Structure formats: C-alpha cells, structure tokens
Amino acid sequence: MTDTSARRFSSRAVVPLAVATALGAGYAPIAPGTWGSAVGLLMWFALPSTIWIQALAIVAVLVAGVWSGGVAEHHFGRTDPGQVVIDEVAGMLVTLFLNPVGWIGAAGGFLLFRAADIVKPFPARRLERLPGGLGIMADDVMAGIYANLALRAILAFRP
C-alpha cells in the first residue's frame, strides 16, 4: 500500500472528510461546488426559520468547516481541494440568512451565490489566502454575504 492510498483510507480522516465533502457531495465528478451549494439549500429548507436556529447552524457549519477543511487539505495534499464543499454549504446558509423567501427566492439566492462564488469579488479572493480551513471557508462566506445583500436588494424592489 502506498503512502497516498494509506492516507486515503485512514480511519481518523473518515468523519472530517465526510463533513468536508458534505457527506460525499464533493466527490461529484462535475461541478462539486454546485452540488455542495445544493446541500446547503436542502439544509436551509430543513431548518426551522428562526433566527437563532439559522445563526447556530451557520456557526456550527463554519466551525466544522474550518476543522474538516484543514484535515482535508492535509489528506488530499493540496490547498483548498475541490472535494471540499462544506464552504459552499456555509455560503448558501449565509446567502439565505434572514431573507424572507420561498423556494423561488431560494433558487434565486442559489444562483446569486454561485455567481458570487465563481467571480469572487473583493475581498473574497484575497480571503482564500488565509491558512488551512479558515481560507477554505472565508471566501465562500464573503460570497454568501454578497449574495445575501444582492438578494435583499432584489426583494426590496419586487412588486
């Protein structure tokens, strides 16, 4: 067994990799970030719409993402591996936080977040440079903040 395959099947990495990949969504062969965002959308839908539950969920996902993202970087041997999509889950939760939307509005928030995550407006791209799991999470949280504000602006001007 090679060193790489031994790391791949390390029992200590199973839980953090499950968290980092959003229970395997990050292993999707096409657009894993979009699949991770979809997991975030489903999680938002499953949560009660109270401010405290949503805020607690965001904090929990952020803490879990920083921890598991750091483990995943070590496991995959590179910075911000594509399999790590817990950051997209957090970004979606931030995007929809305190926005009074149903499924149509949530779908709009999904598109806004994906656009902000891809474009990475300032300072999101710079936040990627933070070390370990913090860098993995920070740029997507910033993209989520931008998407949240854009969604609020759209909602403010709807008829």
Protein backbone atom coordinates (compact mmCIF):
# COMPACT_ATOMS: atom_id res chain seq x y z
CA MET A 1 0.00 0.00 0.00
CA THR A 2 1.44 3.37 -0.95
CA ASP A 3 1.56 6.38 1.35
CA THR A 4 -1.20 8.09 -0.67
CA SER A 5 -3.56 5.12 -0.53
CA ALA A 6 -2.84 4.68 3.18
CA ARG A 7 -3.88 8.32 3.79
CA ARG A 8 -6.94 7.86 1.60
CA PHE A 9 -8.32 5.15 3.89
CA SER A 10 -7.20 6.50 7.25
CA SER A 11 -9.93 5.81 9.80
CA ARG A 12 -9.10 9.09 11.57
CA ALA A 13 -9.98 11.03 8.42
CA VAL A 14 -13.39 9.43 7.80
CA VAL A 15 -15.50 11.85 9.87
CA PRO A 16 -13.71 15.06 8.88
CA LEU A 17 -13.77 14.05 5.20
CA ALA A 18 -17.48 13.24 5.42
CA VAL A 19 -18.04 16.71 6.87
CA ALA A 20 -15.71 18.48 4.41
CA THR A 21 -17.30 16.80 1.40
CA ALA A 22 -20.87 17.36 2.68
CA LEU A 23 -21.43 13.62 3.03
CA GLY A 24 -19.83 12.89 -0.34
CA ALA A 25 -21.33 15.67 -2.49
CA GLY A 26 -17.79 16.95 -3.07
CA TYR A 27 -16.92 13.76 -4.92
CA ALA A 28 -19.37 14.58 -7.73
CA PRO A 29 -17.44 14.31 -11.00
CA ILE A 30 -18.95 17.52 -12.43
CA ALA A 31 -19.40 20.81 -10.56
CA PRO A 32 -18.85 19.61 -6.98
CA GLY A 33 -19.23 23.19 -5.70
CA THR A 34 -22.70 23.38 -7.20
CA TRP A 35 -23.62 20.10 -5.52
CA GLY A 36 -22.28 21.42 -2.22
CA SER A 37 -24.41 24.53 -2.68
CA ALA A 38 -27.41 22.28 -3.29
CA VAL A 39 -26.70 20.53 0.02
CA GLY A 40 -26.69 23.96 1.67
CA LEU A 41 -30.02 24.77 0.04
CA LEU A 42 -31.52 21.49 1.31
CA MET A 43 -30.12 22.15 4.78
CA TRP A 44 -31.68 25.64 4.79
CA PHE A 45 -35.00 24.12 3.77
CA ALA A 46 -34.82 21.57 6.60
CA LEU A 47 -34.01 24.16 9.28
CA PRO A 48 -36.71 25.99 11.21
CA SER A 49 -36.88 29.60 10.06
CA THR A 50 -35.99 31.07 13.45
CA ILE A 51 -33.07 33.48 13.63
CA TRP A 52 -31.33 31.57 16.44
CA ILE A 53 -31.52 28.16 14.80
CA GLN A 54 -30.26 29.52 11.48
CA ALA A 55 -27.47 31.50 13.19
CA LEU A 56 -26.45 28.47 15.24
CA ALA A 57 -26.43 26.31 12.10
CA ILE A 58 -24.17 28.81 10.32
CA VAL A 59 -21.75 28.94 13.26
CA ALA A 60 -21.73 25.13 13.55
CA VAL A 61 -21.06 24.67 9.82
CA LEU A 62 -18.30 27.30 9.93
CA VAL A 63 -16.54 25.67 12.89
CA ALA A 64 -16.93 22.20 11.37
CA GLY A 65 -15.73 23.52 8.01
CA VAL A 66 -12.58 25.15 9.38
CA TRP A 67 -11.71 21.95 11.24
CA SER A 68 -12.59 19.47 8.48
CA GLY A 69 -11.19 21.68 5.71
CA GLY A 70 -7.80 21.72 7.41
CA VAL A 71 -7.85 17.93 7.78
CA ALA A 72 -8.92 17.56 4.13
CA GLU A 73 -6.08 19.78 2.89
CA HIS A 74 -3.61 17.53 4.67
CA HIS A 75 -5.36 14.38 3.46
CA PHE A 76 -5.53 15.43 -0.21
CA GLY A 77 -2.10 17.06 -0.11
CA ARG A 78 -3.15 20.41 -1.61
CA THR A 79 -4.67 23.74 -0.68
CA ASP A 80 -8.47 24.04 -0.97
CA PRO A 81 -9.11 20.68 -2.64
CA GLY A 82 -12.11 20.58 -4.96
CA GLN A 83 -13.72 17.80 -2.95
CA VAL A 84 -14.19 20.16 0.00
CA VAL A 85 -17.66 21.68 -0.39
CA ILE A 86 -18.63 22.42 3.21
CA ASP A 87 -17.69 26.01 2.36
CA GLU A 88 -20.47 26.09 -0.25
CA VAL A 89 -22.91 24.76 2.34
CA ALA A 90 -21.95 27.64 4.64
CA GLY A 91 -22.14 30.15 1.80
CA MET A 92 -25.69 29.09 0.96
CA LEU A 93 -26.78 29.34 4.58
CA VAL A 94 -25.30 32.84 4.77
CA THR A 95 -26.96 33.79 1.46
CA LEU A 96 -30.42 32.84 2.71
CA PHE A 97 -29.97 34.03 6.32
CA LEU A 98 -32.89 36.29 7.32
CA ASN A 99 -34.14 36.59 3.76
CA PRO A 100 -37.90 36.01 3.65
CA VAL A 101 -38.04 33.75 0.62
CA GLY A 102 -39.81 30.61 -0.50
CA TRP A 103 -38.43 28.11 -2.99
CA ILE A 104 -38.36 30.55 -5.91
CA GLY A 105 -36.45 33.15 -3.91
CA ALA A 106 -34.15 30.45 -2.53
CA ALA A 107 -33.43 29.31 -6.09
CA GLY A 108 -32.58 32.93 -6.93
CA GLY A 109 -30.29 33.04 -3.89
CA PHE A 110 -28.66 29.82 -5.11
CA LEU A 111 -27.88 31.44 -8.48
CA LEU A 112 -26.64 34.64 -6.83
CA PHE A 113 -24.36 32.66 -4.53
CA ARG A 114 -22.95 30.51 -7.32
CA ALA A 115 -22.19 33.68 -9.34
CA ALA A 116 -20.51 35.38 -6.35
CA ASP A 117 -18.57 32.21 -5.52
CA ILE A 118 -17.27 31.92 -9.07
CA VAL A 119 -16.45 35.63 -9.58
CA LYS A 120 -15.12 36.09 -6.01
CA PRO A 121 -15.47 39.88 -5.75
CA PHE A 122 -13.05 41.73 -3.49
CA PRO A 123 -12.07 40.73 -0.84
CA ALA A 124 -13.26 37.13 -1.33
CA ARG A 125 -10.33 36.06 -3.49
CA ARG A 126 -7.89 37.55 -1.01
CA LEU A 127 -9.54 35.66 1.85
CA GLU A 128 -8.64 32.35 0.14
CA ARG A 129 -5.05 33.05 1.17
CA LEU A 130 -5.83 32.56 4.85
CA PRO A 131 -4.27 29.35 6.18
CA GLY A 132 -5.96 25.94 6.21
CA GLY A 133 -9.66 25.51 6.72
CA LEU A 134 -10.09 29.20 7.54
CA GLY A 135 -9.09 30.15 3.99
CA ILE A 136 -11.35 27.48 2.54
CA MET A 137 -14.36 28.84 4.44
CA ALA A 138 -13.72 32.60 4.41
CA ASP A 139 -14.04 33.28 0.68
CA ASP A 140 -17.36 31.43 0.44
CA VAL A 141 -18.74 33.21 3.50
CA MET A 142 -17.84 36.51 1.82
CA ALA A 143 -19.53 35.35 -1.40
CA GLY A 144 -22.55 34.42 0.72
CA ILE A 145 -22.62 37.91 2.23
CA TYR A 146 -22.56 39.47 -1.24
CA ALA A 147 -25.32 37.12 -2.43
CA ASN A 148 -27.37 37.84 0.71
CA LEU A 149 -27.16 41.59 0.08
CA ALA A 150 -27.99 41.18 -3.61
CA LEU A 151 -30.99 39.03 -2.73
CA ARG A 152 -32.15 41.65 -0.21
CA ALA A 153 -31.89 44.35 -2.88
CA ILE A 154 -33.92 42.27 -5.32
CA LEU A 155 -36.56 41.55 -2.67
CA ALA A 156 -36.77 45.25 -1.77
CA PHE A 157 -37.63 46.18 -5.36
CA ARG A 158 -40.05 43.37 -6.17
CA PRO A 159 -43.65 44.39 -6.86
